[in-house]
Amino acid sequence: MGVSGKMASFRLPPLPTIGEVIKLYNLRAQKQLSQNFLLDLRLTGKMLDKIVRQAGNVRNGYVCEVGPGPGGLTRSILNAGAAQLLLVEKDTRFLPGLQLLAEAAPEKVKIIHGDILTYKMERAFPQQLAKKWDDGPPDVHIIGNLPFSVSTPLIIKWLENVANQDGPFVYGRTQLTLTFQKEVAERLTASTGSRQRSRLSIMAQYLCNVRSCFTIPGRAFVPKPEVDVGVVHFTPLIQPQINQPFKMVEKVVRNVFQFRRKYCRRGIEMLFPEARRSELSEQMLFTADVDPTLRPTELSISHFRNLADAYSKLCEEDAGLFSYEFRDELRQKKQQRRAGCTTEEEAER
């Protein structure tokens, strides 16, 4: 769809302020939903515009805003010249206020009342926007001031979509600009050896260029969260740094980081049944050429690439290995012990 210069210079007409919208519709941020509104009048406009700028050039572009709430960030996106804006909001309380914005920007705003975790993003925008994966990112942007409760499961879901090139990434290397609790933002961007290095660091960075943009002080939000908020920008890589299925990479990384203070060997051992644990973990580490005494935080993306490749090779040799979970084996042992105790008690009677 072509967009004229006149549309690109669109500015919203005078509207009630966000504070007035909140009062008008008696809106309250719900703590159980991890909702926080950007309301500090000294910071709001600049901060919201800054978030939009970090997304890149959205002028004449197509934007999906996740969880717009009362619509503060929505106004900044529209004022930046977006051609089309899709709003995905789960909370019905915000819909009347968002409808005001839709009426003020006719044919620009579409409101979806639904959960972003289940919304089919591949149907959101015209297919003609799609670009080949090895071309530049498409003119599609995802922006969101996310509730803390949904931010981690949502980014994991989207990272799997990146790996499979589906969901929001059927259009190509769609860029994401999202807010996270500051500690989560630090984990996403943490480098090798950093105290914040985690499962999230590896899963995000092997698939995307992950950039920490800036921090928003907690005092800018209502209600004030106990922590500051970090804005993070993601651009999918043309080639992932690990060429294995997402779930295989995730399993290796998850097992390694479950014992983050111990040597990496400890977590790798948990990938294998007890009867062959020592043999297979030693073989995997040898094949991957990884020092078993390195801590999980000291492992680089290339270390994890070698580990995932070595684990994949072992899984090819043993078809049932990938489905093994050490907790299942532990649970079965406990059940057998309980059954044994019951049998002994019955025999004594």
Foldseek 3Di string as FASTA:
>chain_A
DDDDPVLLQDAFDDDDDLVVLCVVLVDAADVVQLDKAQAPVVCQVVVLLLLLVVQPQQACFEEEEEACALPSNVNSSSNSHHQAYEYEHQDPSNVVSVVVVCVRVDPRYDYHHDDPVPDQQQPVDDLVQADDQPDDATSYEYEYAHRQVCVVVVVLVVLLCLLVCGRNRVSYFYKYKYKYFVLVLCCCCPAFPDPSPALNVLSQQQFWDKDWRDKAQQVSIVVRDPTIMTIMMTTTDSHGNAPDRSVLLSQLRVQQRVCQVFFSLRSLLQLFDPVCSVVLSVQLCVQLVHDRRHGSSNDHSSSSNSSSVSVVVVCVVPVCSRVDGSVVVVVVVVVVVVVVVVVVVVVVD
